[in-house]
């Protein structure tokens, strides 16, 4: 059983753990390069803060530019405007900016620096391939992200593993270069070894902070799914939308987009999920009719999600497996059918 307070707690602890682990990296750099502790810490913390502020400031611009989205003018898509406005009002949120991405894959995402400046973007493929009620479920999911402010936390938090990765690359390259160059004597060899060690530590820190960020990313998707079920009162529509989105993304010839964590579904994860099922199609085709029906596909996805390899691989995923998301929505749907579902139970099934 979960609550919105637990999501906020998970965000806070994720930031704290990532900061502590990143602090170990800063200490290692200061120690192995034999810098003055005070100067080293000031430079490292100031540099990190500036990098995070830069990413926070430039992030929305980069997302908009990389996706080539088109901001809608008033009256350009009346149905979409009215649907978002109605759900935003019900959520107690300001109307987000609306944008359409000229992309045939079914997907949607939100980004921004605050609730008041948030953008909700949908792909043309989503508007074409999903029914109106399914699109409504997706929009409510995205409004859930805005409601929880988790995309802001993700923008800031994801800066730490990125910094660690950059440091690892630079240190390993510099260390290898120092070690392979002639001249310099003992001091140069020592500095080269120190840089290599910093590179290795940085890469370990990168992996650890990356895992923390990915865990939070998966958790926020469950909270947004639950919020969608609550706002629309119809979990089934998002269930259907997620199934269609996963399949649609799996057959897309395009490579995954860069800002995968912001989407309602990750193209890379979708391709892997469907690929694993189709490789064992004969095993999962229980009635041997050559086609996996909805029930057979659900059983296949459930079995695949329980495999040790899939569970380990999912640690590096931005999104939970589709089956687990659908299962959560079905639990909410069953409770709604009993008539006992209420606003204080929005997140209890997570």
C-alpha atoms as a PDB file:
ATOM      1  CA  UNK A   1       0.000   0.000   0.000  1.00  0.00           C
ATOM      2  CA  UNK A   2       1.329   3.403  -0.996  1.00  0.00           C
ATOM      3  CA  UNK A   3       0.433   7.071  -0.811  1.00  0.00           C
ATOM      4  CA  UNK A   4       1.543  10.264  -2.490  1.00  0.00           C
ATOM      5  CA  UNK A   5       3.658  10.975   0.589  1.00  0.00           C
ATOM      6  CA  UNK A   6       5.630   7.816  -0.175  1.00  0.00           C
ATOM      7  CA  UNK A   7       6.388   9.052  -3.692  1.00  0.00           C
ATOM      8  CA  UNK A   8       7.695  12.311  -2.216  1.00  0.00           C
ATOM      9  CA  UNK A   9       9.701  10.306   0.307  1.00  0.00           C
ATOM     10  CA  UNK A  10      11.111   8.143  -2.491  1.00  0.00           C
ATOM     11  CA  UNK A  11      12.097  11.286  -4.380  1.00  0.00           C
ATOM     12  CA  UNK A  12      13.762  12.772  -1.307  1.00  0.00           C
ATOM     13  CA  UNK A  13      15.648   9.583  -0.414  1.00  0.00           C
ATOM     14  CA  UNK A  14      16.712   9.072  -4.034  1.00  0.00           C
ATOM     15  CA  UNK A  15      18.163  12.569  -4.150  1.00  0.00           C
ATOM     16  CA  UNK A  16      19.850  12.032  -0.759  1.00  0.00           C
ATOM     17  CA  UNK A  17      21.367   8.661  -1.702  1.00  0.00           C
ATOM     18  CA  UNK A  18      22.541   9.924  -5.082  1.00  0.00           C
ATOM     19  CA  UNK A  19      24.044  13.013  -3.416  1.00  0.00           C
ATOM     20  CA  UNK A  20      25.873  10.901  -0.801  1.00  0.00           C
ATOM     21  CA  UNK A  21      27.248   8.528  -3.425  1.00  0.00           C
ATOM     22  CA  UNK A  22      28.233  11.475  -5.596  1.00  0.00           C
ATOM     23  CA  UNK A  23      29.900  13.028  -2.538  1.00  0.00           C
ATOM     24  CA  UNK A  24      32.111   9.940  -2.315  1.00  0.00           C
ATOM     25  CA  UNK A  25      33.223  10.638  -5.863  1.00  0.00           C
ATOM     26  CA  UNK A  26      34.031  14.262  -5.005  1.00  0.00           C
ATOM     27  CA  UNK A  27      36.040  13.102  -1.973  1.00  0.00           C
ATOM     28  CA  UNK A  28      37.930  10.585  -4.120  1.00  0.00           C
ATOM     29  CA  UNK A  29      38.857  13.266  -6.654  1.00  0.00           C
ATOM     30  CA  UNK A  30      40.027  15.654  -3.920  1.00  0.00           C
ATOM     31  CA  UNK A  31      42.014  12.892  -2.172  1.00  0.00           C
ATOM     32  CA  UNK A  32      43.734  11.260  -5.145  1.00  0.00           C
ATOM     33  CA  UNK A  33      44.606  14.514  -6.862  1.00  0.00           C
ATOM     34  CA  UNK A  34      45.910  15.828  -3.516  1.00  0.00           C
ATOM     35  CA  UNK A  35      43.917  19.035  -3.729  1.00  0.00           C
ATOM     36  CA  UNK A  36      43.269  21.375  -0.840  1.00  0.00           C
ATOM     37  CA  UNK A  37      40.108  19.903   0.729  1.00  0.00           C
ATOM     38  CA  UNK A  38      38.246  23.193   1.091  1.00  0.00           C
ATOM     39  CA  UNK A  39      39.141  24.411  -2.393  1.00  0.00           C
ATOM     40  CA  UNK A  40      38.386  21.047  -3.954  1.00  0.00           C
ATOM     41  CA  UNK A  41      34.983  20.755  -2.299  1.00  0.00           C
ATOM     42  CA  UNK A  42      33.990  24.306  -3.204  1.00  0.00           C
ATOM     43  CA  UNK A  43      34.995  23.827  -6.839  1.00  0.00           C
ATOM     44  CA  UNK A  44      33.289  20.417  -7.082  1.00  0.00           C
ATOM     45  CA  UNK A  45      30.039  21.491  -5.409  1.00  0.00           C
ATOM     46  CA  UNK A  46      29.897  24.769  -7.334  1.00  0.00           C
ATOM     47  CA  UNK A  47      30.547  22.956 -10.598  1.00  0.00           C
ATOM     48  CA  UNK A  48      27.850  20.368  -9.848  1.00  0.00           C
ATOM     49  CA  UNK A  49      25.321  23.039  -8.879  1.00  0.00           C
ATOM     50  CA  UNK A  50      26.029  25.010 -12.060  1.00  0.00           C
ATOM     51  CA  UNK A  51      25.686  21.854 -14.180  1.00  0.00           C
ATOM     52  CA  UNK A  52      22.322  20.998 -12.573  1.00  0.00           C
ATOM     53  CA  UNK A  53      21.071  24.566 -13.023  1.00  0.00           C
ATOM     54  CA  UNK A  54      22.229  24.517 -16.636  1.00  0.00           C
ATOM     55  CA  UNK A  55      20.432  21.223 -17.296  1.00  0.00           C
ATOM     56  CA  UNK A  56      17.308  22.512 -15.507  1.00  0.00           C
ATOM     57  CA  UNK A  57      17.360  25.663 -17.637  1.00  0.00           C
ATOM     58  CA  UNK A  58      18.299  24.169 -20.992  1.00  0.00           C
ATOM     59  CA  UNK A  59      16.511  20.783 -20.600  1.00  0.00           C
ATOM     60  CA  UNK A  60      13.051  21.865 -21.829  1.00  0.00           C
ATOM     61  CA  UNK A  61      14.608  23.658 -24.805  1.00  0.00           C
ATOM     62  CA  UNK A  62      16.583  20.535 -25.746  1.00  0.00           C
ATOM     63  CA  UNK A  63      13.525  18.266 -25.432  1.00  0.00           C
ATOM     64  CA  UNK A  64      11.443  20.585 -27.622  1.00  0.00           C
ATOM     65  CA  UNK A  65      14.204  20.868 -30.223  1.00  0.00           C
ATOM     66  CA  UNK A  66      15.067  17.146 -30.331  1.00  0.00           C
ATOM     67  CA  UNK A  67      11.448  16.031 -30.754  1.00  0.00           C
ATOM     68  CA  UNK A  68      10.623  18.749 -33.333  1.00  0.00           C
ATOM     69  CA  UNK A  69       7.278  19.302 -31.617  1.00  0.00           C
ATOM     70  CA  UNK A  70       4.716  21.833 -32.797  1.00  0.00           C
ATOM     71  CA  UNK A  71       2.955  23.953 -30.179  1.00  0.00           C
ATOM     72  CA  UNK A  72      -0.784  24.102 -30.841  1.00  0.00           C
ATOM     73  CA  UNK A  73      -2.502  27.431 -31.351  1.00  0.00           C
ATOM     74  CA  UNK A  74      -5.931  27.996 -29.730  1.00  0.00           C
ATOM     75  CA  UNK A  75      -8.591  26.227 -31.759  1.00  0.00           C
ATOM     76  CA  UNK A  76      -6.134  24.100 -33.749  1.00  0.00           C
ATOM     77  CA  UNK A  77      -7.313  20.852 -32.110  1.00  0.00           C
ATOM     78  CA  UNK A  78     -10.553  21.611 -30.200  1.00  0.00           C
ATOM     79  CA  UNK A  79     -11.098  18.052 -28.931  1.00  0.00           C
ATOM     80  CA  UNK A  80      -7.587  17.737 -27.505  1.00  0.00           C
ATOM     81  CA  UNK A  81      -7.763  21.197 -25.942  1.00  0.00           C
ATOM     82  CA  UNK A  82     -11.133  20.504 -24.301  1.00  0.00           C
ATOM     83  CA  UNK A  83     -10.066  17.061 -23.052  1.00  0.00           C
ATOM     84  CA  UNK A  84      -6.851  18.363 -21.485  1.00  0.00           C
ATOM     85  CA  UNK A  85      -8.657  21.401 -20.026  1.00  0.00           C
ATOM     86  CA  UNK A  86     -11.380  19.250 -18.414  1.00  0.00           C
ATOM     87  CA  UNK A  87      -8.867  16.823 -16.890  1.00  0.00           C
ATOM     88  CA  UNK A  88      -6.530  19.636 -15.782  1.00  0.00           C
ATOM     89  CA  UNK A  89      -9.430  21.415 -14.057  1.00  0.00           C
ATOM     90  CA  UNK A  90     -10.423  18.166 -12.347  1.00  0.00           C
ATOM     91  CA  UNK A  91      -6.793  17.752 -11.230  1.00  0.00           C
ATOM     92  CA  UNK A  92      -6.549  21.315  -9.928  1.00  0.00           C
ATOM     93  CA  UNK A  93      -3.748  22.084 -12.392  1.00  0.00           C
ATOM     94  CA  UNK A  94      -3.147  25.056 -14.662  1.00  0.00           C
ATOM     95  CA  UNK A  95      -3.708  24.318 -18.329  1.00  0.00           C
ATOM     96  CA  UNK A  96      -0.394  23.030 -19.747  1.00  0.00           C
ATOM     97  CA  UNK A  97       0.941  24.076 -23.116  1.00  0.00           C
ATOM     98  CA  UNK A  98      -0.138  21.603 -25.785  1.00  0.00           C
ATOM     99  CA  UNK A  99       2.110  20.287 -28.523  1.00  0.00           C
ATOM    100  CA  UNK A 100       1.987  17.642 -31.226  1.00  0.00           C
ATOM    101  CA  UNK A 101       5.068  15.710 -32.343  1.00  0.00           C
ATOM    102  CA  UNK A 102       5.272  14.736 -36.046  1.00  0.00           C
ATOM    103  CA  UNK A 103       6.033  11.117 -35.233  1.00  0.00           C
ATOM    104  CA  UNK A 104       4.030   8.039 -36.277  1.00  0.00           C
ATOM    105  CA  UNK A 105       4.766   6.065 -33.099  1.00  0.00           C
ATOM    106  CA  UNK A 106       2.099   6.113 -30.348  1.00  0.00           C
ATOM    107  CA  UNK A 107       3.601   8.028 -27.425  1.00  0.00           C
ATOM    108  CA  UNK A 108       3.224  11.095 -25.188  1.00  0.00           C
ATOM    109  CA  UNK A 109       5.297  12.985 -22.621  1.00  0.00           C
ATOM    110  CA  UNK A 110       5.447  16.056 -20.388  1.00  0.00           C
ATOM    111  CA  UNK A 111       8.319  18.371 -19.559  1.00  0.00           C
ATOM    112  CA  UNK A 112       8.979  21.801 -18.122  1.00  0.00           C
ATOM    113  CA  UNK A 113      10.472  23.749 -15.232  1.00  0.00           C
ATOM    114  CA  UNK A 114       7.300  24.094 -13.144  1.00  0.00           C
ATOM    115  CA  UNK A 115       3.618  23.155 -13.111  1.00  0.00           C
ATOM    116  CA  UNK A 116       2.767  26.541 -14.584  1.00  0.00           C
ATOM    117  CA  UNK A 117       5.174  26.184 -17.519  1.00  0.00           C
ATOM    118  CA  UNK A 118       4.657  22.484 -18.258  1.00  0.00           C
ATOM    119  CA  UNK A 119       4.178  21.191 -21.792  1.00  0.00           C
ATOM    120  CA  UNK A 120       2.073  18.134 -22.624  1.00  0.00           C
ATOM    121  CA  UNK A 121       3.069  16.682 -25.978  1.00  0.00           C
ATOM    122  CA  UNK A 122       1.421  13.866 -27.911  1.00  0.00           C
ATOM    123  CA  UNK A 123       2.652  12.056 -31.000  1.00  0.00           C
ATOM    124  CA  UNK A 124       0.574  12.121 -34.165  1.00  0.00           C
ATOM    125  CA  UNK A 125       0.733   8.314 -34.060  1.00  0.00           C
ATOM    126  CA  UNK A 126      -1.012   8.306 -30.680  1.00  0.00           C
ATOM    127  CA  UNK A 127      -3.873  10.476 -31.939  1.00  0.00           C
ATOM    128  CA  UNK A 128      -4.329   8.244 -34.990  1.00  0.00           C
ATOM    129  CA  UNK A 129      -4.023   4.771 -33.482  1.00  0.00           C
ATOM    130  CA  UNK A 130      -5.864   5.122 -30.149  1.00  0.00           C
ATOM    131  CA  UNK A 131      -9.538   5.679 -29.393  1.00  0.00           C
ATOM    132  CA  UNK A 132     -10.583   8.920 -27.734  1.00  0.00           C
ATOM    133  CA  UNK A 133     -11.131   7.305 -24.320  1.00  0.00           C
ATOM    134  CA  UNK A 134      -7.714   5.639 -24.529  1.00  0.00           C
ATOM    135  CA  UNK A 135      -6.100   8.986 -25.385  1.00  0.00           C
ATOM    136  CA  UNK A 136      -7.913  10.463 -22.395  1.00  0.00           C
ATOM    137  CA  UNK A 137      -6.311   7.813 -20.170  1.00  0.00           C
ATOM    138  CA  UNK A 138      -2.860   8.703 -21.551  1.00  0.00           C
ATOM    139  CA  UNK A 139      -3.465  12.435 -21.026  1.00  0.00           C
ATOM    140  CA  UNK A 140      -4.535  11.801 -17.426  1.00  0.00           C
ATOM    141  CA  UNK A 141      -1.329   9.788 -16.910  1.00  0.00           C
ATOM    142  CA  UNK A 142       0.748  12.711 -18.175  1.00  0.00           C
ATOM    143  CA  UNK A 143      -1.165  15.155 -15.972  1.00  0.00           C
ATOM    144  CA  UNK A 144      -0.276  12.823 -13.096  1.00  0.00           C
ATOM    145  CA  UNK A 145       3.390  13.508 -13.795  1.00  0.00           C
ATOM    146  CA  UNK A 146       2.688  17.240 -13.692  1.00  0.00           C
ATOM    147  CA  UNK A 147       0.651  16.845 -10.497  1.00  0.00           C
ATOM    148  CA  UNK A 148       3.478  14.947  -8.805  1.00  0.00           C
ATOM    149  CA  UNK A 149       6.198  17.298 -10.183  1.00  0.00           C
ATOM    150  CA  UNK A 150       8.314  14.215 -10.789  1.00  0.00           C
ATOM    151  CA  UNK A 151       9.606  15.278 -14.194  1.00  0.00           C
ATOM    152  CA  UNK A 152      11.304  18.243 -12.470  1.00  0.00           C
ATOM    153  CA  UNK A 153      12.944  15.928  -9.921  1.00  0.00           C
ATOM    154  CA  UNK A 154      14.044  13.564 -12.701  1.00  0.00           C
ATOM    155  CA  UNK A 155      15.631  16.420 -14.650  1.00  0.00           C
ATOM    156  CA  UNK A 156      17.679  17.474 -11.640  1.00  0.00           C
ATOM    157  CA  UNK A 157      18.485  13.976 -10.345  1.00  0.00           C
ATOM    158  CA  UNK A 158      19.568  12.596 -13.720  1.00  0.00           C
ATOM    159  CA  UNK A 159      22.341  15.212 -13.816  1.00  0.00           C
ATOM    160  CA  UNK A 160      24.376  13.318 -11.179  1.00  0.00           C
ATOM    161  CA  UNK A 161      24.978  10.069 -13.102  1.00  0.00           C
ATOM    162  CA  UNK A 162      25.629  12.136 -16.224  1.00  0.00           C
ATOM    163  CA  UNK A 163      28.349  14.132 -14.441  1.00  0.00           C
ATOM    164  CA  UNK A 164      29.875  10.925 -13.037  1.00  0.00           C
ATOM    165  CA  UNK A 165      29.909   9.395 -16.530  1.00  0.00           C
ATOM    166  CA  UNK A 166      31.610  12.454 -18.034  1.00  0.00           C
ATOM    167  CA  UNK A 167      34.227  12.440 -15.264  1.00  0.00           C
ATOM    168  CA  UNK A 168      34.818   8.710 -15.799  1.00  0.00           C
ATOM    169  CA  UNK A 169      35.368   9.166 -19.534  1.00  0.00           C
ATOM    170  CA  UNK A 170      37.706  12.142 -19.109  1.00  0.00           C
ATOM    171  CA  UNK A 171      39.689  10.570 -16.246  1.00  0.00           C
ATOM    172  CA  UNK A 172      40.124   7.187 -17.969  1.00  0.00           C
ATOM    173  CA  UNK A 173      41.225   8.840 -21.204  1.00  0.00           C
ATOM    174  CA  UNK A 174      43.598  11.230 -19.417  1.00  0.00           C
ATOM    175  CA  UNK A 175      44.962   8.440 -17.214  1.00  0.00           C
ATOM    176  CA  UNK A 176      45.597   6.157 -20.174  1.00  0.00           C
ATOM    177  CA  UNK A 177      47.228   9.002 -22.088  1.00  0.00           C
ATOM    178  CA  UNK A 178      49.440   9.911 -19.118  1.00  0.00           C
ATOM    179  CA  UNK A 179      50.464   6.331 -18.610  1.00  0.00           C
ATOM    180  CA  UNK A 180      51.311   5.818 -22.269  1.00  0.00           C
ATOM    181  CA  UNK A 181      53.361   8.983 -22.760  1.00  0.00           C
ATOM    182  CA  UNK A 182      57.126   9.004 -22.411  1.00  0.00           C
ATOM    183  CA  UNK A 183      58.864  11.244 -19.911  1.00  0.00           C
ATOM    184  CA  UNK A 184      57.574  12.735 -16.697  1.00  0.00           C
ATOM    185  CA  UNK A 185      59.108  10.201 -14.346  1.00  0.00           C
ATOM    186  CA  UNK A 186      57.537   8.956 -11.148  1.00  0.00           C
ATOM    187  CA  UNK A 187      55.181  11.925 -10.616  1.00  0.00           C
ATOM    188  CA  UNK A 188      53.631  11.478 -14.047  1.00  0.00           C
ATOM    189  CA  UNK A 189      53.138   7.757 -13.471  1.00  0.00           C
ATOM    190  CA  UNK A 190      51.511   8.498 -10.103  1.00  0.00           C
ATOM    191  CA  UNK A 191      49.159  11.084 -11.612  1.00  0.00           C
ATOM    192  CA  UNK A 192      48.256   8.685 -14.406  1.00  0.00           C
ATOM    193  CA  UNK A 193      47.434   5.938 -11.886  1.00  0.00           C
ATOM    194  CA  UNK A 194      45.389   8.403  -9.806  1.00  0.00           C
ATOM    195  CA  UNK A 195      43.393   9.455 -12.874  1.00  0.00           C
ATOM    196  CA  UNK A 196      42.722   5.829 -13.835  1.00  0.00           C
ATOM    197  CA  UNK A 197      41.555   5.088 -10.293  1.00  0.00           C
ATOM    198  CA  UNK A 198      39.285   8.157 -10.342  1.00  0.00           C
ATOM    199  CA  UNK A 199      37.915   6.960 -13.682  1.00  0.00           C
ATOM    200  CA  UNK A 200      37.079   3.512 -12.280  1.00  0.00           C
ATOM    201  CA  UNK A 201      35.479   4.995  -9.134  1.00  0.00           C
ATOM    202  CA  UNK A 202      33.531   7.477 -11.270  1.00  0.00           C
ATOM    203  CA  UNK A 203      32.176   4.683 -13.445  1.00  0.00           C
ATOM    204  CA  UNK A 204      31.053   2.719 -10.373  1.00  0.00           C
ATOM    205  CA  UNK A 205      29.389   5.871  -9.017  1.00  0.00           C
ATOM    206  CA  UNK A 206      27.730   6.346 -12.405  1.00  0.00           C
ATOM    207  CA  UNK A 207      26.232   2.841 -12.262  1.00  0.00           C
ATOM    208  CA  UNK A 208      25.004   3.254  -8.666  1.00  0.00           C
ATOM    209  CA  UNK A 209      23.423   6.690  -9.207  1.00  0.00           C
ATOM    210  CA  UNK A 210      21.963   5.536 -12.524  1.00  0.00           C
ATOM    211  CA  UNK A 211      20.247   2.594 -10.775  1.00  0.00           C
ATOM    212  CA  UNK A 212      18.786   4.993  -8.182  1.00  0.00           C
ATOM    213  CA  UNK A 213      17.446   7.283 -10.913  1.00  0.00           C
ATOM    214  CA  UNK A 214      15.965   4.354 -12.864  1.00  0.00           C
ATOM    215  CA  UNK A 215      14.235   2.969  -9.763  1.00  0.00           C
ATOM    216  CA  UNK A 216      12.565   6.324  -9.145  1.00  0.00           C
ATOM    217  CA  UNK A 217      11.668   6.585 -12.828  1.00  0.00           C
ATOM    218  CA  UNK A 218       9.838   3.238 -12.721  1.00  0.00           C
ATOM    219  CA  UNK A 219       8.076   4.100  -9.474  1.00  0.00           C
ATOM    220  CA  UNK A 220       6.728   7.412 -10.788  1.00  0.00           C
ATOM    221  CA  UNK A 221       5.151   5.595 -13.756  1.00  0.00           C
ATOM    222  CA  UNK A 222       3.070   3.455 -11.380  1.00  0.00           C
ATOM    223  CA  UNK A 223       1.945   6.575  -9.523  1.00  0.00           C
ATOM    224  CA  UNK A 224       0.983   8.305 -12.778  1.00  0.00           C
ATOM    225  CA  UNK A 225      -0.917   5.194 -13.939  1.00  0.00           C
ATOM    226  CA  UNK A 226      -2.839   5.113 -10.653  1.00  0.00           C
ATOM    227  CA  UNK A 227      -3.599   8.824 -10.924  1.00  0.00           C
ATOM    228  CA  UNK A 228      -4.974   8.326 -14.434  1.00  0.00           C
ATOM    229  CA  UNK A 229      -7.279   5.580 -13.189  1.00  0.00           C
ATOM    230  CA  UNK A 230      -8.555   7.881 -10.453  1.00  0.00           C
ATOM    231  CA  UNK A 231      -9.085  10.993 -12.610  1.00  0.00           C
ATOM    232  CA  UNK A 232     -10.786   9.215 -15.529  1.00  0.00           C
ATOM    233  CA  UNK A 233     -12.608   6.664 -13.379  1.00  0.00           C
ATOM    234  CA  UNK A 234     -11.788   4.094 -16.072  1.00  0.00           C
ATOM    235  CA  UNK A 235      -8.531   2.132 -15.634  1.00  0.00           C
ATOM    236  CA  UNK A 236      -9.489  -0.109 -18.567  1.00  0.00           C
ATOM    237  CA  UNK A 237      -8.889   2.670 -21.091  1.00  0.00           C
ATOM    238  CA  UNK A 238      -5.276   3.154 -19.973  1.00  0.00           C
ATOM    239  CA  UNK A 239      -4.802  -0.638 -19.894  1.00  0.00           C
ATOM    240  CA  UNK A 240      -5.849  -0.818 -23.533  1.00  0.00           C
ATOM    241  CA  UNK A 241      -3.758   2.232 -24.424  1.00  0.00           C
ATOM    242  CA  UNK A 242      -0.615   0.770 -22.828  1.00  0.00           C
ATOM    243  CA  UNK A 243      -1.035  -2.499 -24.738  1.00  0.00           C
ATOM    244  CA  UNK A 244      -1.440  -0.647 -28.052  1.00  0.00           C
ATOM    245  CA  UNK A 245       1.439   1.735 -27.296  1.00  0.00           C
ATOM    246  CA  UNK A 246       3.804  -1.119 -26.392  1.00  0.00           C
ATOM    247  CA  UNK A 247       2.973  -3.027 -29.563  1.00  0.00           C
ATOM    248  CA  UNK A 248       3.118   0.109 -31.715  1.00  0.00           C
ATOM    249  CA  UNK A 249       6.533   1.061 -30.356  1.00  0.00           C
ATOM    250  CA  UNK A 250       7.842  -2.495 -30.773  1.00  0.00           C
ATOM    251  CA  UNK A 251       7.273  -2.485 -34.550  1.00  0.00           C
ATOM    252  CA  UNK A 252       8.672   0.992 -35.101  1.00  0.00           C
ATOM    253  CA  UNK A 253      11.812   0.956 -37.293  1.00  0.00           C
ATOM    254  CA  UNK A 254      13.064   4.169 -35.677  1.00  0.00           C
ATOM    255  CA  UNK A 255      15.698   3.952 -32.918  1.00  0.00           C
ATOM    256  CA  UNK A 256      14.648   4.996 -29.380  1.00  0.00           C
ATOM    257  CA  UNK A 257      14.485   8.722 -28.692  1.00  0.00           C
ATOM    258  CA  UNK A 258      17.024  10.338 -26.350  1.00  0.00           C
ATOM    259  CA  UNK A 259      14.623  11.527 -23.603  1.00  0.00           C
ATOM    260  CA  UNK A 260      13.148   8.059 -23.064  1.00  0.00           C
ATOM    261  CA  UNK A 261      12.365   8.517 -19.361  1.00  0.00           C
ATOM    262  CA  UNK A 262       9.878  11.302 -20.146  1.00  0.00           C
ATOM    263  CA  UNK A 263       7.639   9.166 -22.389  1.00  0.00           C
ATOM    264  CA  UNK A 264       4.623   7.168 -21.237  1.00  0.00           C
ATOM    265  CA  UNK A 265       6.426   4.101 -22.619  1.00  0.00           C
ATOM    266  CA  UNK A 266      10.066   3.486 -23.491  1.00  0.00           C
ATOM    267  CA  UNK A 267      10.564   2.375 -27.140  1.00  0.00           C
ATOM    268  CA  UNK A 268      13.598   0.260 -26.220  1.00  0.00           C
ATOM    269  CA  UNK A 269      11.739  -1.562 -23.428  1.00  0.00           C
ATOM    270  CA  UNK A 270       8.706  -2.122 -25.665  1.00  0.00           C
ATOM    271  CA  UNK A 271      10.824  -3.669 -28.411  1.00  0.00           C
ATOM    272  CA  UNK A 272      12.522  -5.988 -25.922  1.00  0.00           C
ATOM    273  CA  UNK A 273       9.247  -7.050 -24.278  1.00  0.00           C
ATOM    274  CA  UNK A 274       7.539  -7.987 -27.533  1.00  0.00           C
ATOM    275  CA  UNK A 275      10.702  -9.560 -28.977  1.00  0.00           C
ATOM    276  CA  UNK A 276      11.059 -11.904 -25.996  1.00  0.00           C
ATOM    277  CA  UNK A 277       7.433 -13.001 -26.320  1.00  0.00           C
ATOM    278  CA  UNK A 278       7.550 -13.502 -30.100  1.00  0.00           C
ATOM    279  CA  UNK A 279      10.709 -15.619 -29.853  1.00  0.00           C
ATOM    280  CA  UNK A 280       8.645 -18.106 -27.816  1.00  0.00           C
ATOM    281  CA  UNK A 281       5.422 -17.623 -29.756  1.00  0.00           C
ATOM    282  CA  UNK A 282       4.797 -21.358 -30.271  1.00  0.00           C
ATOM    283  CA  UNK A 283       5.161 -21.982 -26.535  1.00  0.00           C
ATOM    284  CA  UNK A 284       2.662 -19.242 -25.617  1.00  0.00           C
ATOM    285  CA  UNK A 285       0.161 -19.995 -28.418  1.00  0.00           C
ATOM    286  CA  UNK A 286      -1.975 -22.263 -26.230  1.00  0.00           C
ATOM    287  CA  UNK A 287      -4.724 -22.930 -28.784  1.00  0.00           C
ATOM    288  CA  UNK A 288      -2.173 -23.338 -31.629  1.00  0.00           C
ATOM    289  CA  UNK A 289      -4.041 -21.050 -34.004  1.00  0.00           C
ATOM    290  CA  UNK A 290      -0.896 -19.170 -35.015  1.00  0.00           C
ATOM    291  CA  UNK A 291      -2.017 -15.959 -33.274  1.00  0.00           C
ATOM    292  CA  UNK A 292      -1.464 -14.764 -29.711  1.00  0.00           C
ATOM    293  CA  UNK A 293      -4.801 -13.476 -28.468  1.00  0.00           C
ATOM    294  CA  UNK A 294      -5.094 -10.952 -25.636  1.00  0.00           C
ATOM    295  CA  UNK A 295      -5.175 -13.571 -22.871  1.00  0.00           C
ATOM    296  CA  UNK A 296      -2.260 -15.568 -24.304  1.00  0.00           C
ATOM    297  CA  UNK A 297      -0.212 -12.380 -24.677  1.00  0.00           C
ATOM    298  CA  UNK A 298      -0.936 -11.403 -21.074  1.00  0.00           C
ATOM    299  CA  UNK A 299       0.171 -14.816 -19.797  1.00  0.00           C
ATOM    300  CA  UNK A 300       3.312 -14.624 -21.929  1.00  0.00           C
ATOM    301  CA  UNK A 301       4.208 -11.162 -20.636  1.00  0.00           C
ATOM    302  CA  UNK A 302       3.524 -12.269 -17.059  1.00  0.00           C
ATOM    303  CA  UNK A 303       5.822 -15.288 -17.389  1.00  0.00           C
ATOM    304  CA  UNK A 304       8.564 -13.272 -19.090  1.00  0.00           C
ATOM    305  CA  UNK A 305       8.426 -10.581 -16.405  1.00  0.00           C
ATOM    306  CA  UNK A 306       9.149 -13.230 -13.739  1.00  0.00           C
ATOM    307  CA  UNK A 307      12.303 -14.559 -15.387  1.00  0.00           C
ATOM    308  CA  UNK A 308      15.562 -13.855 -13.544  1.00  0.00           C
ATOM    309  CA  UNK A 309      17.131 -12.277 -16.638  1.00  0.00           C
ATOM    310  CA  UNK A 310      14.148  -9.979 -17.169  1.00  0.00           C
ATOM    311  CA  UNK A 311      14.131  -8.899 -13.521  1.00  0.00           C
ATOM    312  CA  UNK A 312      17.851  -8.088 -13.590  1.00  0.00           C
ATOM    313  CA  UNK A 313      17.531  -6.308 -16.914  1.00  0.00           C
ATOM    314  CA  UNK A 314      14.581  -4.267 -15.634  1.00  0.00           C
ATOM    315  CA  UNK A 315      16.859  -2.653 -13.025  1.00  0.00           C
ATOM    316  CA  UNK A 316      18.258  -0.550 -15.865  1.00  0.00           C
ATOM    317  CA  UNK A 317      14.848   0.249 -17.384  1.00  0.00           C
ATOM    318  CA  UNK A 318      13.147   3.636 -17.252  1.00  0.00           C
ATOM    319  CA  UNK A 319       9.670   2.057 -17.159  1.00  0.00           C
ATOM    320  CA  UNK A 320       8.122  -0.960 -15.417  1.00  0.00           C
ATOM    321  CA  UNK A 321       7.170  -3.938 -17.619  1.00  0.00           C
ATOM    322  CA  UNK A 322       3.849  -3.316 -19.384  1.00  0.00           C
ATOM    323  CA  UNK A 323       2.285  -6.366 -17.767  1.00  0.00           C
ATOM    324  CA  UNK A 324       2.977  -5.055 -14.260  1.00  0.00           C
ATOM    325  CA  UNK A 325       1.418  -1.727 -15.166  1.00  0.00           C
ATOM    326  CA  UNK A 326      -1.675  -3.416 -16.583  1.00  0.00           C
ATOM    327  CA  UNK A 327      -1.910  -5.701 -13.536  1.00  0.00           C
ATOM    328  CA  UNK A 328      -1.881  -2.665 -11.218  1.00  0.00           C
ATOM    329  CA  UNK A 329      -4.652  -1.003 -13.239  1.00  0.00           C
ATOM    330  CA  UNK A 330      -6.736  -4.175 -13.118  1.00  0.00           C
ATOM    331  CA  UNK A 331      -6.444  -4.330  -9.347  1.00  0.00           C
ATOM    332  CA  UNK A 332      -7.725  -0.739  -9.199  1.00  0.00           C
ATOM    333  CA  UNK A 333     -10.508  -1.614 -11.631  1.00  0.00           C
ATOM    334  CA  UNK A 334     -11.626  -4.550  -9.480  1.00  0.00           C
ATOM    335  CA  UNK A 335     -11.805  -2.317  -6.429  1.00  0.00           C
ATOM    336  CA  UNK A 336     -13.748   0.313  -8.379  1.00  0.00           C
ATOM    337  CA  UNK A 337     -16.251  -2.384  -9.373  1.00  0.00           C
ATOM    338  CA  UNK A 338     -16.911  -3.106  -5.691  1.00  0.00           C
ATOM    339  CA  UNK A 339     -17.950   0.515  -5.137  1.00  0.00           C
ATOM    340  CA  UNK A 340     -15.484   0.883  -2.254  1.00  0.00           C
ATOM    341  CA  UNK A 341     -12.859   2.836  -4.190  1.00  0.00           C
ATOM    342  CA  UNK A 342     -12.367   6.404  -2.922  1.00  0.00           C
ATOM    343  CA  UNK A 343      -9.987   9.343  -3.348  1.00  0.00           C
ATOM    344  CA  UNK A 344      -7.888   8.247  -0.369  1.00  0.00           C
ATOM    345  CA  UNK A 345      -7.133   4.919  -2.114  1.00  0.00           C
ATOM    346  CA  UNK A 346      -5.617   6.332  -5.312  1.00  0.00           C
ATOM    347  CA  UNK A 347      -2.167   4.846  -4.708  1.00  0.00           C
ATOM    348  CA  UNK A 348      -2.883   1.947  -2.348  1.00  0.00           C
ATOM    349  CA  UNK A 349      -2.254  -0.762  -4.975  1.00  0.00           C
ATOM    350  CA  UNK A 350       1.317   0.344  -5.795  1.00  0.00           C
END
